[in-house]
Amino acid sequence: MLEGLEPPKKIPACKVRAVLQGLETKDQEILKNALANPDWPHSTLTHELNRRGIKISEQPVRTHRLGRCSCA
């Protein structure tokens, strides 16, 4: 009856999703568009976000853009 019973797998939260959820709707759309725009290199985008008080590093942005985060 209990064959295959295993604890649930922990899915790490995506830092980009957490940042998006903390923004107002207008800012969410601006960031989503920037994330989708290949003219924004990962490092440049994270630098500009940090300048505006959004603390995030390049790796979570890269992982999110490549679809390798928990959002995928």
Protein backbone atom coordinates (compact mmCIF):
# COMPACT_ATOMS: atom_id res chain seq x y z
CA MET A 1 0.00 0.00 0.00
CA LEU A 2 2.79 2.47 0.79
CA GLU A 3 5.24 1.40 -1.90
CA GLY A 4 7.12 4.33 -3.34
CA LEU A 5 6.37 6.61 -0.40
CA GLU A 6 8.97 9.37 -0.48
CA PRO A 7 9.24 12.84 0.99
CA PRO A 8 8.33 15.66 -1.38
CA LYS A 9 11.22 17.08 -3.35
CA LYS A 10 12.19 20.55 -2.27
CA ILE A 11 12.08 22.96 -5.17
CA PRO A 12 14.32 25.95 -4.53
CA ALA A 13 12.69 29.33 -4.99
CA CYS A 14 13.71 31.32 -8.04
CA LYS A 15 15.29 34.61 -6.98
CA VAL A 16 14.02 36.34 -10.13
CA ARG A 17 10.44 35.22 -9.41
CA ALA A 18 10.78 36.45 -5.83
CA VAL A 19 11.99 39.84 -7.07
CA LEU A 20 9.16 40.04 -9.60
CA GLN A 21 6.56 39.23 -6.95
CA GLY A 22 7.85 42.08 -4.80
CA LEU A 23 7.39 44.69 -7.53
CA GLU A 24 4.38 46.75 -8.54
CA THR A 25 2.61 45.58 -11.69
CA LYS A 26 4.17 48.25 -13.94
CA ASP A 27 7.68 47.42 -12.71
CA GLN A 28 6.99 43.69 -13.13
CA GLU A 29 6.24 44.26 -16.81
CA ILE A 30 9.36 46.39 -17.27
CA LEU A 31 11.55 43.71 -15.70
CA LYS A 32 9.88 40.89 -17.65
CA ASN A 33 10.54 42.78 -20.88
CA ALA A 34 14.16 43.39 -19.90
CA LEU A 35 14.63 39.70 -19.05
CA ALA A 36 13.23 38.72 -22.45
CA ASN A 37 15.39 41.25 -24.31
CA PRO A 38 18.71 39.77 -25.52
CA ASP A 39 20.12 43.31 -25.80
CA TRP A 40 20.40 43.24 -21.98
CA PRO A 41 23.47 41.19 -21.03
CA HIS A 42 23.05 39.38 -17.69
CA SER A 43 25.75 41.46 -16.01
CA THR A 44 24.45 44.80 -17.26
CA LEU A 45 20.90 44.03 -16.22
CA THR A 46 21.91 42.91 -12.74
CA HIS A 47 24.14 45.98 -12.37
CA GLU A 48 21.25 48.29 -13.23
CA LEU A 49 18.86 46.43 -10.93
CA ASN A 50 21.36 46.71 -8.07
CA ARG A 51 21.77 50.44 -8.74
CA ARG A 52 18.02 50.75 -8.28
CA GLY A 53 18.03 48.87 -4.98
CA ILE A 54 17.08 45.41 -6.24
CA LYS A 55 19.72 43.08 -4.84
CA ILE A 56 20.25 40.17 -7.22
CA SER A 57 23.35 38.61 -8.71
CA GLU A 58 24.04 37.60 -12.28
CA GLN A 59 23.68 33.82 -11.75
CA PRO A 60 19.95 33.79 -10.85
CA VAL A 61 19.21 36.02 -13.85
CA ARG A 62 21.16 33.71 -16.16
CA THR A 63 19.52 30.59 -14.71
CA HIS A 64 16.04 32.12 -15.06
CA ARG A 65 16.66 33.24 -18.63
CA LEU A 66 17.92 29.80 -19.61
CA GLY A 67 14.83 28.15 -18.12
CA ARG A 68 16.87 26.21 -15.57
CA CYS A 69 15.15 27.58 -12.46
CA SER A 70 12.05 26.40 -10.64
CA CYS A 71 9.91 28.60 -12.90
CA ALA A 72 10.54 26.31 -15.86
